Amino acid sequence: MMKVATRLGIATVLLSFGTAQAATVAEVFTGDMLGKNQRYFESIAGIAQESNGDEHTFKVQGCDVTATIEGGKVTRLRLETAPECQADLTRFVGSYAPAPGKPLTLGAFEASSGGVMVYSADCLSMCGNAFDPSVYALWEGPHAVNFMQVLLEIRLTSDEAIAAADAWTEQILKAKGEDFVNATNFNCDPQFAEGAKKAFAHVPVTAVTIGTGLASPGC
């Protein structure tokens, strides 16, 4: 009887330990994790579900969080956003980020950060069917936040996102023509940033990456 009770006690302790270790998005997707070593990060986030080179994807509260780990340390974090997977960017850049709890948009972030954002896209025409293209907005913070970079991404899959992309494309076509658009030369021409800013201001962000040395599509 004593052995059975002991085994039950051990099982209860192990079950409680497993439950206590279940991480939240807030614990994993936070500036405190940047610079931490891989072993520490995985002790909180759990085991990666997928790895591709330096990028390791974890499932946290049903949300996909990807950690870029270089030299054994976390250098970038990416969150696929959804209604149940909200990004609290104040955990990275403080008051430069919009207040948490509301849908994240490019307009909301630009208003709170007060900084210049660099807009780009994988493509706006002749994209093919190999992948779903995205539009990006890259922001670099000031010294106060250690020049932290934020890369906001809008995947062009929803009706709202596609309509915004069409509006931006139309502006570029009128100014530069079809070849310019097909070659994605707009990514290196800041005169079209205002058009992207206006078109995508209220479209929800589908992913956000934070860290340093972030890259967005070029021309």
N, C-alpha and C. Protein backbone atom coordinates (compact mmCIF):
# COMPACT_ATOMS: atom_id res chain seq x y z
N MET A 1 0.83 -1.20 0.00
CA MET A 1 0.00 0.00 0.00
C MET A 1 0.86 1.25 0.00
N MET A 2 1.98 1.16 0.76
CA MET A 2 2.89 2.29 0.86
C MET A 2 3.55 2.57 -0.49
N LYS A 3 3.91 1.47 -1.23
CA LYS A 3 4.55 1.64 -2.53
C LYS A 3 3.63 2.30 -3.52
N VAL A 4 2.34 1.89 -3.49
CA VAL A 4 1.36 2.48 -4.39
C VAL A 4 1.19 3.96 -4.10
N ALA A 5 1.09 4.31 -2.82
CA ALA A 5 0.94 5.71 -2.42
C ALA A 5 2.14 6.53 -2.84
N THR A 6 3.33 5.94 -2.69
CA THR A 6 4.56 6.64 -3.07
C THR A 6 4.58 6.90 -4.57
N ARG A 7 4.21 5.88 -5.35
CA ARG A 7 4.19 6.04 -6.80
C ARG A 7 3.19 7.11 -7.23
N LEU A 8 2.03 7.09 -6.58
CA LEU A 8 1.02 8.10 -6.88
C LEU A 8 1.52 9.49 -6.54
N GLY A 9 2.25 9.58 -5.44
CA GLY A 9 2.79 10.87 -5.03
C GLY A 9 3.80 11.39 -6.03
N ILE A 10 4.68 10.52 -6.52
CA ILE A 10 5.68 10.90 -7.51
C ILE A 10 5.01 11.33 -8.80
N ALA A 11 3.98 10.57 -9.22
CA ALA A 11 3.25 10.91 -10.45
C ALA A 11 2.60 12.28 -10.33
N THR A 12 2.04 12.56 -9.15
CA THR A 12 1.39 13.85 -8.93
C THR A 12 2.39 14.99 -9.01
N VAL A 13 3.57 14.79 -8.40
CA VAL A 13 4.62 15.80 -8.42
C VAL A 13 5.08 16.06 -9.85
N LEU A 14 5.30 14.97 -10.63
CA LEU A 14 5.74 15.12 -12.01
C LEU A 14 4.71 15.82 -12.86
N LEU A 15 3.44 15.49 -12.65
CA LEU A 15 2.37 16.13 -13.40
C LEU A 15 2.30 17.61 -13.07
N SER A 16 2.43 17.93 -11.79
CA SER A 16 2.40 19.33 -11.37
C SER A 16 3.58 20.09 -11.95
N PHE A 17 4.75 19.44 -11.95
CA PHE A 17 5.95 20.08 -12.50
C PHE A 17 5.76 20.39 -13.98
N GLY A 18 5.21 19.40 -14.73
CA GLY A 18 4.99 19.61 -16.17
C GLY A 18 4.04 20.75 -16.43
N THR A 19 2.98 20.84 -15.62
CA THR A 19 2.00 21.91 -15.80
C THR A 19 2.62 23.27 -15.50
N ALA A 20 3.43 23.30 -14.43
CA ALA A 20 4.03 24.58 -14.03
C ALA A 20 5.00 25.10 -15.08
N GLN A 21 5.59 24.17 -15.86
CA GLN A 21 6.60 24.57 -16.83
C GLN A 21 6.01 25.04 -18.17
N ALA A 22 4.68 24.93 -18.33
CA ALA A 22 4.06 25.36 -19.58
C ALA A 22 4.26 26.86 -19.75
N ALA A 23 4.98 27.26 -20.79
CA ALA A 23 5.33 28.67 -20.98
C ALA A 23 4.17 29.44 -21.58
N THR A 24 4.18 30.74 -21.38
CA THR A 24 3.23 31.64 -22.02
C THR A 24 3.97 32.42 -23.10
N VAL A 25 3.20 32.98 -24.04
CA VAL A 25 3.79 33.81 -25.09
C VAL A 25 4.54 34.98 -24.45
N ALA A 26 3.97 35.55 -23.40
CA ALA A 26 4.61 36.70 -22.74
C ALA A 26 5.97 36.35 -22.16
N GLU A 27 6.14 35.10 -21.72
CA GLU A 27 7.42 34.67 -21.15
C GLU A 27 8.47 34.39 -22.21
N VAL A 28 8.03 34.00 -23.40
CA VAL A 28 8.96 33.61 -24.45
C VAL A 28 9.24 34.75 -25.42
N PHE A 29 8.18 35.44 -25.86
CA PHE A 29 8.33 36.52 -26.83
C PHE A 29 8.50 37.84 -26.07
N THR A 30 9.72 38.07 -25.61
CA THR A 30 10.03 39.24 -24.79
C THR A 30 11.48 39.63 -24.98
N GLY A 31 11.76 40.90 -24.82
CA GLY A 31 13.13 41.39 -24.98
C GLY A 31 14.09 40.77 -24.00
N ASP A 32 13.59 40.27 -22.87
CA ASP A 32 14.46 39.64 -21.89
C ASP A 32 15.13 38.39 -22.44
N MET A 33 14.54 37.80 -23.48
CA MET A 33 15.09 36.58 -24.06
C MET A 33 16.20 36.85 -25.07
N LEU A 34 16.27 38.04 -25.60
CA LEU A 34 17.31 38.37 -26.57
C LEU A 34 18.67 38.39 -25.86
N GLY A 35 19.61 37.66 -26.43
CA GLY A 35 20.93 37.56 -25.82
C GLY A 35 21.09 36.39 -24.88
N LYS A 36 19.97 35.74 -24.53
CA LYS A 36 20.05 34.58 -23.65
C LYS A 36 20.62 33.38 -24.41
N ASN A 37 21.25 32.46 -23.69
CA ASN A 37 21.79 31.29 -24.37
C ASN A 37 20.69 30.29 -24.71
N GLN A 38 20.99 29.42 -25.64
CA GLN A 38 19.98 28.50 -26.18
C GLN A 38 19.41 27.59 -25.09
N ARG A 39 20.23 27.10 -24.22
CA ARG A 39 19.75 26.18 -23.18
C ARG A 39 18.75 26.86 -22.27
N TYR A 40 19.04 28.10 -21.91
CA TYR A 40 18.10 28.81 -21.05
C TYR A 40 16.78 29.05 -21.77
N PHE A 41 16.87 29.49 -23.05
CA PHE A 41 15.66 29.77 -23.81
C PHE A 41 14.79 28.52 -23.91
N GLU A 42 15.41 27.38 -24.21
CA GLU A 42 14.65 26.15 -24.37
C GLU A 42 14.11 25.62 -23.04
N SER A 43 14.74 26.02 -21.93
CA SER A 43 14.20 25.60 -20.63
C SER A 43 12.87 26.28 -20.35
N ILE A 44 12.63 27.41 -21.01
CA ILE A 44 11.36 28.13 -20.87
C ILE A 44 10.41 27.77 -22.01
N ALA A 45 10.90 27.82 -23.24
CA ALA A 45 10.04 27.64 -24.42
C ALA A 45 9.73 26.19 -24.72
N GLY A 46 10.57 25.27 -24.23
CA GLY A 46 10.37 23.86 -24.52
C GLY A 46 11.23 23.41 -25.70
N ILE A 47 10.87 22.28 -26.28
CA ILE A 47 11.63 21.71 -27.38
C ILE A 47 11.14 22.28 -28.70
N ALA A 48 12.06 22.64 -29.57
CA ALA A 48 11.69 23.18 -30.88
C ALA A 48 10.93 22.13 -31.68
N GLN A 49 9.88 22.56 -32.35
CA GLN A 49 9.10 21.65 -33.20
C GLN A 49 9.70 21.54 -34.59
N GLU A 50 10.46 22.55 -34.97
CA GLU A 50 11.07 22.55 -36.30
C GLU A 50 12.34 23.39 -36.26
N SER A 51 13.37 22.96 -36.97
CA SER A 51 14.61 23.71 -37.05
C SER A 51 15.07 23.80 -38.50
N ASN A 52 15.53 24.99 -38.86
CA ASN A 52 16.05 25.21 -40.21
C ASN A 52 17.26 26.12 -40.10
N GLY A 53 18.44 25.52 -40.06
CA GLY A 53 19.65 26.31 -39.84
C GLY A 53 19.64 26.93 -38.45
N ASP A 54 19.77 28.24 -38.40
CA ASP A 54 19.79 28.95 -37.11
C ASP A 54 18.40 29.24 -36.57
N GLU A 55 17.36 28.94 -37.35
CA GLU A 55 16.00 29.27 -36.95
C GLU A 55 15.29 28.05 -36.37
N HIS A 56 14.72 28.25 -35.17
CA HIS A 56 14.07 27.16 -34.45
C HIS A 56 12.67 27.62 -34.05
N THR A 57 11.66 26.86 -34.44
CA THR A 57 10.28 27.25 -34.20
C THR A 57 9.69 26.46 -33.04
N PHE A 58 9.07 27.18 -32.11
CA PHE A 58 8.48 26.60 -30.91
C PHE A 58 6.97 26.88 -30.92
N LYS A 59 6.20 25.95 -30.37
CA LYS A 59 4.77 26.13 -30.20
C LYS A 59 4.52 26.55 -28.76
N VAL A 60 4.05 27.78 -28.58
CA VAL A 60 3.82 28.33 -27.24
C VAL A 60 2.37 28.80 -27.15
N GLN A 61 1.61 28.17 -26.28
CA GLN A 61 0.17 28.47 -26.16
C GLN A 61 -0.52 28.41 -27.52
N GLY A 62 -0.10 27.49 -28.36
CA GLY A 62 -0.70 27.35 -29.67
C GLY A 62 -0.18 28.34 -30.70
N CYS A 63 0.79 29.18 -30.33
CA CYS A 63 1.33 30.21 -31.22
C CYS A 63 2.74 29.81 -31.67
N ASP A 64 3.08 30.17 -32.91
CA ASP A 64 4.41 29.87 -33.45
C ASP A 64 5.39 31.00 -33.14
N VAL A 65 6.40 30.67 -32.36
CA VAL A 65 7.48 31.61 -32.04
C VAL A 65 8.77 31.03 -32.60
N THR A 66 9.45 31.80 -33.44
CA THR A 66 10.71 31.35 -34.03
C THR A 66 11.87 32.14 -33.43
N ALA A 67 12.84 31.42 -32.92
CA ALA A 67 14.04 32.03 -32.35
C ALA A 67 15.20 31.81 -33.30
N THR A 68 15.90 32.88 -33.64
CA THR A 68 17.14 32.76 -34.39
C THR A 68 18.26 32.67 -33.36
N ILE A 69 19.00 31.57 -33.40
CA ILE A 69 20.05 31.33 -32.41
C ILE A 69 21.38 31.25 -33.14
N GLU A 70 22.23 32.23 -32.86
CA GLU A 70 23.55 32.32 -33.51
C GLU A 70 24.62 32.36 -32.44
N GLY A 71 25.63 31.53 -32.60
CA GLY A 71 26.68 31.47 -31.59
C GLY A 71 26.16 31.05 -30.23
N GLY A 72 25.08 30.25 -30.24
CA GLY A 72 24.52 29.75 -28.99
C GLY A 72 23.61 30.72 -28.27
N LYS A 73 23.37 31.91 -28.87
CA LYS A 73 22.53 32.91 -28.21
C LYS A 73 21.37 33.36 -29.10
N VAL A 74 20.28 33.75 -28.46
CA VAL A 74 19.10 34.22 -29.18
C VAL A 74 19.37 35.64 -29.69
N THR A 75 19.29 35.81 -31.01
CA THR A 75 19.55 37.13 -31.60
C THR A 75 18.28 37.79 -32.14
N ARG A 76 17.28 36.96 -32.49
CA ARG A 76 16.03 37.49 -33.02
C ARG A 76 14.87 36.60 -32.59
N LEU A 77 13.69 37.21 -32.45
CA LEU A 77 12.48 36.46 -32.13
C LEU A 77 11.38 36.87 -33.10
N ARG A 78 10.61 35.89 -33.57
CA ARG A 78 9.52 36.14 -34.51
C ARG A 78 8.25 35.48 -34.01
N LEU A 79 7.15 36.21 -34.07
CA LEU A 79 5.85 35.68 -33.66
C LEU A 79 4.87 35.78 -34.81
N GLU A 80 4.23 34.65 -35.14
CA GLU A 80 3.12 34.65 -36.09
C GLU A 80 1.89 35.13 -35.33
N THR A 81 1.36 36.27 -35.73
CA THR A 81 0.26 36.86 -34.96
C THR A 81 -1.09 36.34 -35.43
N ALA A 82 -2.05 36.38 -34.52
CA ALA A 82 -3.43 35.96 -34.77
C ALA A 82 -4.25 36.53 -33.60
N PRO A 83 -5.57 36.49 -33.69
CA PRO A 83 -6.38 37.00 -32.58
C PRO A 83 -5.98 36.41 -31.23
N GLU A 84 -5.58 35.13 -31.24
CA GLU A 84 -5.18 34.48 -29.98
C GLU A 84 -3.67 34.52 -29.76
N CYS A 85 -2.94 35.14 -30.67
CA CYS A 85 -1.48 35.22 -30.56
C CYS A 85 -1.06 36.68 -30.77
N GLN A 86 -1.28 37.48 -29.76
CA GLN A 86 -1.00 38.91 -29.86
C GLN A 86 0.42 39.23 -29.41
N ALA A 87 1.04 40.19 -30.10
CA ALA A 87 2.40 40.60 -29.78
C ALA A 87 2.38 41.84 -28.90
N ASP A 88 2.95 41.73 -27.71
CA ASP A 88 3.10 42.88 -26.83
C ASP A 88 4.51 43.44 -27.05
N LEU A 89 4.60 44.42 -27.93
CA LEU A 89 5.92 44.95 -28.29
C LEU A 89 6.51 45.87 -27.24
N THR A 90 5.70 46.24 -26.25
CA THR A 90 6.26 47.05 -25.14
C THR A 90 7.29 46.23 -24.37
N ARG A 91 7.26 44.93 -24.50
CA ARG A 91 8.24 44.07 -23.82
C ARG A 91 9.61 44.13 -24.50
N PHE A 92 9.65 44.80 -25.65
CA PHE A 92 10.91 44.96 -26.38
C PHE A 92 11.35 46.42 -26.45
N VAL A 93 10.42 47.31 -26.83
CA VAL A 93 10.79 48.71 -27.09
C VAL A 93 10.00 49.69 -26.24
N GLY A 94 9.40 49.22 -25.17
CA GLY A 94 8.73 50.10 -24.22
C GLY A 94 7.65 50.98 -24.83
N SER A 95 7.68 52.26 -24.52
CA SER A 95 6.64 53.19 -24.96
C SER A 95 6.69 53.51 -26.45
N TYR A 96 7.71 53.02 -27.15
CA TYR A 96 7.74 53.20 -28.61
C TYR A 96 6.74 52.27 -29.31
N ALA A 97 6.23 51.30 -28.58
CA ALA A 97 5.28 50.34 -29.14
C ALA A 97 3.85 50.74 -28.81
N PRO A 98 2.89 50.30 -29.63
CA PRO A 98 1.48 50.55 -29.30
C PRO A 98 1.10 49.83 -28.01
N ALA A 99 0.06 50.33 -27.35
CA ALA A 99 -0.42 49.67 -26.14
C ALA A 99 -0.87 48.25 -26.48
N PRO A 100 -0.56 47.28 -25.63
CA PRO A 100 -0.94 45.89 -25.91
C PRO A 100 -2.44 45.69 -25.79
N GLY A 101 -2.89 44.56 -26.34
CA GLY A 101 -4.31 44.22 -26.22
C GLY A 101 -5.16 44.64 -27.39
N LYS A 102 -4.56 45.33 -28.37
CA LYS A 102 -5.30 45.74 -29.56
C LYS A 102 -4.61 45.16 -30.79
N PRO A 103 -5.36 44.99 -31.91
CA PRO A 103 -4.73 44.47 -33.13
C PRO A 103 -3.55 45.34 -33.55
N LEU A 104 -2.45 44.69 -33.90
CA LEU A 104 -1.24 45.41 -34.31
C LEU A 104 -1.33 45.75 -35.79
N THR A 105 -1.18 47.02 -36.12
CA THR A 105 -1.17 47.48 -37.51
C THR A 105 0.06 48.35 -37.74
N LEU A 106 0.40 48.55 -39.02
CA LEU A 106 1.54 49.42 -39.33
C LEU A 106 1.26 50.84 -38.87
N GLY A 107 0.02 51.30 -39.05
CA GLY A 107 -0.33 52.65 -38.64
C GLY A 107 -0.21 52.85 -37.14
N ALA A 108 -0.65 51.86 -36.37
CA ALA A 108 -0.57 51.96 -34.91
C ALA A 108 0.88 52.01 -34.45
N PHE A 109 1.73 51.18 -35.07
CA PHE A 109 3.14 51.17 -34.66
C PHE A 109 3.83 52.47 -35.07
N GLU A 110 3.55 52.95 -36.26
CA GLU A 110 4.20 54.18 -36.72
C GLU A 110 3.79 55.36 -35.84
N ALA A 111 2.53 55.39 -35.42
CA ALA A 111 2.05 56.47 -34.57
C ALA A 111 2.73 56.44 -33.20
N SER A 112 2.92 55.25 -32.63
CA SER A 112 3.52 55.16 -31.29
C SER A 112 5.03 55.36 -31.33
N SER A 113 5.68 54.86 -32.39
CA SER A 113 7.14 54.93 -32.45
C SER A 113 7.63 56.31 -32.88
N GLY A 114 6.83 56.98 -33.71
CA GLY A 114 7.24 58.29 -34.20
C GLY A 114 8.44 58.25 -35.11
N GLY A 115 8.80 57.06 -35.58
CA GLY A 115 10.00 56.92 -36.40
C GLY A 115 9.68 56.64 -37.85
N VAL A 116 10.72 56.69 -38.67
CA VAL A 116 10.58 56.41 -40.10
C VAL A 116 10.61 54.90 -40.30
N MET A 117 9.69 54.40 -41.11
CA MET A 117 9.65 52.97 -41.42
C MET A 117 10.00 52.78 -42.89
N VAL A 118 10.76 51.73 -43.16
CA VAL A 118 11.16 51.41 -44.53
C VAL A 118 10.24 50.31 -45.04
N TYR A 119 9.52 50.59 -46.13
CA TYR A 119 8.55 49.64 -46.66
C TYR A 119 9.14 48.86 -47.83
N SER A 120 8.76 47.59 -47.93
CA SER A 120 9.23 46.75 -49.03
C SER A 120 8.25 45.59 -49.19
N ALA A 121 8.48 44.80 -50.26
CA ALA A 121 7.62 43.65 -50.50
C ALA A 121 8.40 42.56 -51.21
N ASP A 122 7.99 41.31 -51.00
CA ASP A 122 8.59 40.21 -51.75
C ASP A 122 8.34 40.42 -53.24
N CYS A 123 7.12 40.81 -53.57
CA CYS A 123 6.73 41.12 -54.93
C CYS A 123 5.31 41.68 -54.89
N LEU A 124 4.95 42.41 -55.94
CA LEU A 124 3.60 42.94 -56.05
C LEU A 124 2.91 42.46 -57.32
N SER A 125 3.68 41.87 -58.22
CA SER A 125 3.12 41.28 -59.44
C SER A 125 4.04 40.16 -59.90
N MET A 126 3.53 39.26 -60.72
CA MET A 126 4.31 38.12 -61.21
C MET A 126 4.90 37.32 -60.05
N CYS A 127 4.10 37.12 -59.01
CA CYS A 127 4.62 36.46 -57.81
C CYS A 127 4.64 34.93 -57.92
N GLY A 128 3.83 34.37 -58.79
CA GLY A 128 3.77 32.92 -58.89
C GLY A 128 3.01 32.30 -57.73
N ASN A 129 3.03 30.98 -57.66
CA ASN A 129 2.27 30.25 -56.64
C ASN A 129 3.15 29.50 -55.65
N ALA A 130 4.44 29.72 -55.69
CA ALA A 130 5.36 28.96 -54.83
C ALA A 130 5.22 29.33 -53.35
N PHE A 131 4.81 30.57 -53.07
CA PHE A 131 4.68 31.01 -51.68
C PHE A 131 3.72 32.19 -51.63
N ASP A 132 3.30 32.53 -50.43
CA ASP A 132 2.46 33.71 -50.23
C ASP A 132 3.36 34.90 -49.96
N PRO A 133 3.39 35.90 -50.85
CA PRO A 133 4.26 37.06 -50.64
C PRO A 133 3.79 37.93 -49.49
N SER A 134 4.69 38.75 -49.00
CA SER A 134 4.38 39.64 -47.89
C SER A 134 4.88 41.05 -48.17
N VAL A 135 4.28 42.01 -47.48
CA VAL A 135 4.76 43.39 -47.43
C VAL A 135 5.37 43.60 -46.05
N TYR A 136 6.46 44.36 -45.98
CA TYR A 136 7.19 44.55 -44.73
C TYR A 136 7.37 46.02 -44.40
N ALA A 137 7.47 46.31 -43.11
CA ALA A 137 7.83 47.64 -42.64
C ALA A 137 8.90 47.47 -41.58
N LEU A 138 10.07 48.04 -41.81
CA LEU A 138 11.22 47.89 -40.92
C LEU A 138 11.47 49.20 -40.17
N TRP A 139 11.58 49.09 -38.85
CA TRP A 139 11.83 50.26 -37.99
C TRP A 139 13.05 49.98 -37.14
N GLU A 140 13.91 51.00 -36.99
CA GLU A 140 15.06 50.88 -36.09
C GLU A 140 14.91 51.89 -34.97
N GLY A 141 14.96 51.38 -33.76
CA GLY A 141 14.78 52.24 -32.60
C GLY A 141 16.00 53.07 -32.27
N PRO A 142 15.83 54.05 -31.40
CA PRO A 142 16.95 54.91 -31.00
C PRO A 142 17.84 54.24 -29.95
N HIS A 143 18.84 54.99 -29.52
CA HIS A 143 19.78 54.48 -28.51
C HIS A 143 19.06 54.05 -27.24
N ALA A 144 17.94 54.71 -26.93
CA ALA A 144 17.20 54.41 -25.70
C ALA A 144 16.75 52.96 -25.63
N VAL A 145 16.56 52.33 -26.79
CA VAL A 145 16.17 50.92 -26.83
C VAL A 145 17.26 50.09 -27.52
N ASN A 146 18.50 50.57 -27.40
CA ASN A 146 19.67 49.86 -27.93
C ASN A 146 19.56 49.57 -29.43
N PHE A 147 18.95 50.51 -30.14
CA PHE A 147 18.82 50.42 -31.60
C PHE A 147 18.11 49.13 -32.03
N MET A 148 17.20 48.67 -31.18
CA MET A 148 16.42 47.47 -31.50
C MET A 148 15.64 47.69 -32.78
N GLN A 149 15.57 46.66 -33.61
CA GLN A 149 14.82 46.73 -34.86
C GLN A 149 13.52 45.91 -34.76
N VAL A 150 12.51 46.42 -35.43
CA VAL A 150 11.20 45.74 -35.48
C VAL A 150 10.83 45.58 -36.95
N LEU A 151 10.56 44.35 -37.36
CA LEU A 151 10.13 44.09 -38.73
C LEU A 151 8.70 43.56 -38.69
N LEU A 152 7.78 44.39 -39.19
CA LEU A 152 6.37 44.02 -39.24
C LEU A 152 6.05 43.44 -40.62
N GLU A 153 5.28 42.39 -40.64
CA GLU A 153 4.99 41.69 -41.89
C GLU A 153 3.49 41.53 -42.09
N ILE A 154 3.04 41.78 -43.32
CA ILE A 154 1.65 41.53 -43.68
C ILE A 154 1.64 40.55 -44.85
N ARG A 155 1.16 39.35 -44.60
CA ARG A 155 1.08 38.35 -45.66
C ARG A 155 -0.10 38.68 -46.57
N LEU A 156 0.14 38.64 -47.87
CA LEU A 156 -0.89 39.06 -48.83
C LEU A 156 -1.83 37.91 -49.14
N THR A 157 -2.64 37.55 -48.14
CA THR A 157 -3.59 36.46 -48.30
C THR A 157 -5.03 36.89 -48.01
N SER A 158 -5.23 37.87 -47.16
CA SER A 158 -6.58 38.32 -46.85
C SER A 158 -7.06 39.32 -47.91
N ASP A 159 -8.36 39.48 -48.01
CA ASP A 159 -8.93 40.43 -48.97
C ASP A 159 -8.43 41.84 -48.68
N GLU A 160 -8.34 42.18 -47.39
CA GLU A 160 -7.91 43.53 -46.99
C GLU A 160 -6.46 43.78 -47.40
N ALA A 161 -5.60 42.79 -47.19
CA ALA A 161 -4.18 42.93 -47.53
C ALA A 161 -4.00 43.00 -49.04
N ILE A 162 -4.73 42.18 -49.77
CA ILE A 162 -4.61 42.18 -51.24
C ILE A 162 -5.10 43.50 -51.82
N ALA A 163 -6.18 44.04 -51.27
CA ALA A 163 -6.69 45.33 -51.74
C ALA A 163 -5.67 46.44 -51.49
N ALA A 164 -5.00 46.40 -50.34
CA ALA A 164 -3.97 47.40 -50.03
C ALA A 164 -2.80 47.27 -50.99
N ALA A 165 -2.40 46.02 -51.29
CA ALA A 165 -1.30 45.79 -52.22
C ALA A 165 -1.66 46.29 -53.62
N ASP A 166 -2.91 46.09 -54.02
CA ASP A 166 -3.35 46.58 -55.34
C ASP A 166 -3.29 48.10 -55.41
N ALA A 167 -3.69 48.76 -54.32
CA ALA A 167 -3.66 50.22 -54.29
C ALA A 167 -2.23 50.73 -54.38
N TRP A 168 -1.31 50.10 -53.66
CA TRP A 168 0.10 50.51 -53.71
C TRP A 168 0.69 50.24 -55.09
N THR A 169 0.34 49.09 -55.66
CA THR A 169 0.84 48.73 -56.99
C THR A 169 0.38 49.73 -58.04
N GLU A 170 -0.88 50.15 -57.95
CA GLU A 170 -1.43 51.09 -58.93
C GLU A 170 -0.66 52.41 -58.91
N GLN A 171 -0.32 52.87 -57.72
CA GLN A 171 0.44 54.12 -57.59
C GLN A 171 1.81 54.00 -58.26
N ILE A 172 2.48 52.87 -58.03
CA ILE A 172 3.81 52.66 -58.61
C ILE A 172 3.73 52.51 -60.13
N LEU A 173 2.72 51.77 -60.59
CA LEU A 173 2.55 51.58 -62.04
C LEU A 173 2.38 52.91 -62.77
N LYS A 174 1.59 53.78 -62.20
CA LYS A 174 1.34 55.08 -62.83
C LYS A 174 2.62 55.91 -62.93
N ALA A 175 3.48 55.77 -61.93
CA ALA A 175 4.70 56.59 -61.90
C ALA A 175 5.86 55.97 -62.68
N LYS A 176 5.98 54.63 -62.64
CA LYS A 176 7.19 54.00 -63.17
C LYS A 176 6.95 52.90 -64.20
N GLY A 177 5.76 52.35 -64.25
CA GLY A 177 5.48 51.33 -65.24
C GLY A 177 5.64 49.91 -64.73
N GLU A 178 5.21 48.97 -65.57
CA GLU A 178 5.13 47.56 -65.19
C GLU A 178 6.49 46.93 -64.93
N ASP A 179 7.49 47.22 -65.75
CA ASP A 179 8.81 46.61 -65.57
C ASP A 179 9.42 46.98 -64.22
N PHE A 180 9.20 48.21 -63.82
CA PHE A 180 9.71 48.70 -62.53
C PHE A 180 9.10 47.90 -61.38
N VAL A 181 7.79 47.62 -61.49
CA VAL A 181 7.11 46.84 -60.45
C VAL A 181 7.58 45.39 -60.45
N ASN A 182 7.66 44.81 -61.64
CA ASN A 182 8.06 43.39 -61.74
C ASN A 182 9.46 43.15 -61.20
N ALA A 183 10.34 44.15 -61.33
CA ALA A 183 11.72 44.02 -60.86
C ALA A 183 11.86 44.39 -59.37
N THR A 184 10.75 44.71 -58.73
CA THR A 184 10.71 45.16 -57.31
C THR A 184 11.66 46.32 -57.04
N ASN A 185 11.85 47.19 -58.03
CA ASN A 185 12.71 48.36 -57.84
C ASN A 185 12.13 49.35 -56.84
N PHE A 186 10.83 49.24 -56.58
CA PHE A 186 10.18 50.12 -55.60
C PHE A 186 10.76 49.92 -54.21
N ASN A 187 11.35 48.74 -53.95
CA ASN A 187 11.93 48.48 -52.63
C ASN A 187 13.11 49.40 -52.32
N CYS A 188 13.72 49.96 -53.35
CA CYS A 188 14.88 50.82 -53.17
C CYS A 188 14.58 52.28 -53.53
N ASP A 189 13.30 52.61 -53.65
CA ASP A 189 12.92 53.98 -54.02
C ASP A 189 11.99 54.54 -52.95
N PRO A 190 12.50 55.38 -52.05
CA PRO A 190 11.71 55.86 -50.91
C PRO A 190 10.52 56.73 -51.29
N GLN A 191 10.42 57.16 -52.56
CA GLN A 191 9.30 58.01 -52.92
C GLN A 191 7.97 57.26 -52.83
N PHE A 192 8.02 55.92 -52.80
CA PHE A 192 6.78 55.14 -52.75
C PHE A 192 6.41 54.69 -51.33
N ALA A 193 7.20 55.11 -50.36
CA ALA A 193 6.91 54.73 -48.97
C ALA A 193 5.59 55.30 -48.48
N GLU A 194 5.29 56.52 -48.88
CA GLU A 194 4.05 57.16 -48.43
C GLU A 194 2.83 56.40 -48.94
N GLY A 195 2.93 55.88 -50.16
CA GLY A 195 1.83 55.10 -50.71
C GLY A 195 1.59 53.82 -49.93
N ALA A 196 2.67 53.14 -49.56
CA ALA A 196 2.55 51.93 -48.76
C ALA A 196 1.99 52.25 -47.37
N LYS A 197 2.49 53.30 -46.79
CA LYS A 197 2.03 53.72 -45.46
C LYS A 197 0.53 53.96 -45.45
N LYS A 198 0.03 54.63 -46.46
CA LYS A 198 -1.39 54.94 -46.55
C LYS A 198 -2.22 53.69 -46.82
N ALA A 199 -1.76 52.86 -47.76
CA ALA A 199 -2.53 51.68 -48.16
C ALA A 199 -2.64 50.64 -47.05
N PHE A 200 -1.56 50.45 -46.28
CA PHE A 200 -1.51 49.37 -45.30
C PHE A 200 -1.72 49.84 -43.86
N ALA A 201 -2.05 51.08 -43.65
CA ALA A 201 -2.11 51.64 -42.30
C ALA A 201 -2.98 50.83 -41.34
N HIS A 202 -4.11 50.33 -41.83
CA HIS A 202 -5.07 49.67 -40.93
C HIS A 202 -5.18 48.16 -41.15
N VAL A 203 -4.25 47.61 -41.93
CA VAL A 203 -4.27 46.16 -42.19
C VAL A 203 -3.54 45.44 -41.05
N PRO A 204 -4.14 44.44 -40.42
CA PRO A 204 -3.48 43.75 -39.31
C PRO A 204 -2.18 43.07 -39.73
N VAL A 205 -1.19 43.17 -38.87
CA VAL A 205 0.11 42.53 -39.08
C VAL A 205 -0.04 41.02 -38.87
N THR A 206 0.62 40.23 -39.70
CA THR A 206 0.52 38.77 -39.58
C THR A 206 1.74 38.14 -38.92
N ALA A 207 2.84 38.88 -38.82
CA ALA A 207 4.03 38.38 -38.12
C ALA A 207 4.90 39.58 -37.76
N VAL A 208 5.66 39.41 -36.67
CA VAL A 208 6.58 40.46 -36.26
C VAL A 208 7.88 39.82 -35.80
N THR A 209 8.99 40.39 -36.27
CA THR A 209 10.32 39.91 -35.89
C THR A 209 11.05 41.05 -35.18
N ILE A 210 11.75 40.73 -34.09
CA ILE A 210 12.44 41.76 -33.33
C ILE A 210 13.85 41.29 -33.00
N GLY A 211 14.80 42.21 -33.14
CA GLY A 211 16.20 41.89 -32.84
C GLY A 211 17.10 42.91 -33.49
N THR A 212 18.26 42.50 -33.93
CA THR A 212 19.19 43.37 -34.62
C THR A 212 19.66 42.67 -35.90
N GLY A 213 20.12 43.48 -36.85
CA GLY A 213 20.57 42.93 -38.11
C GLY A 213 19.46 42.35 -38.95
N LEU A 214 18.25 42.87 -38.79
CA LEU A 214 17.11 42.37 -39.56
C LEU A 214 17.21 42.81 -41.01
N ALA A 215 16.72 41.98 -41.90
CA ALA A 215 16.77 42.30 -43.32
C ALA A 215 15.37 42.21 -43.92
N SER A 216 15.09 43.11 -44.87
CA SER A 216 13.84 43.07 -45.61
C SER A 216 14.20 42.99 -47.10
N PRO A 217 13.23 42.63 -47.96
CA PRO A 217 13.53 42.43 -49.38
C PRO A 217 14.15 43.68 -50.03
N GLY A 218 15.08 43.46 -50.94
CA GLY A 218 15.70 44.55 -51.68
C GLY A 218 15.18 44.58 -53.10
N CYS A 219 15.87 45.33 -53.96
CA CYS A 219 15.42 45.44 -55.35
C CYS A 219 16.34 44.63 -56.26
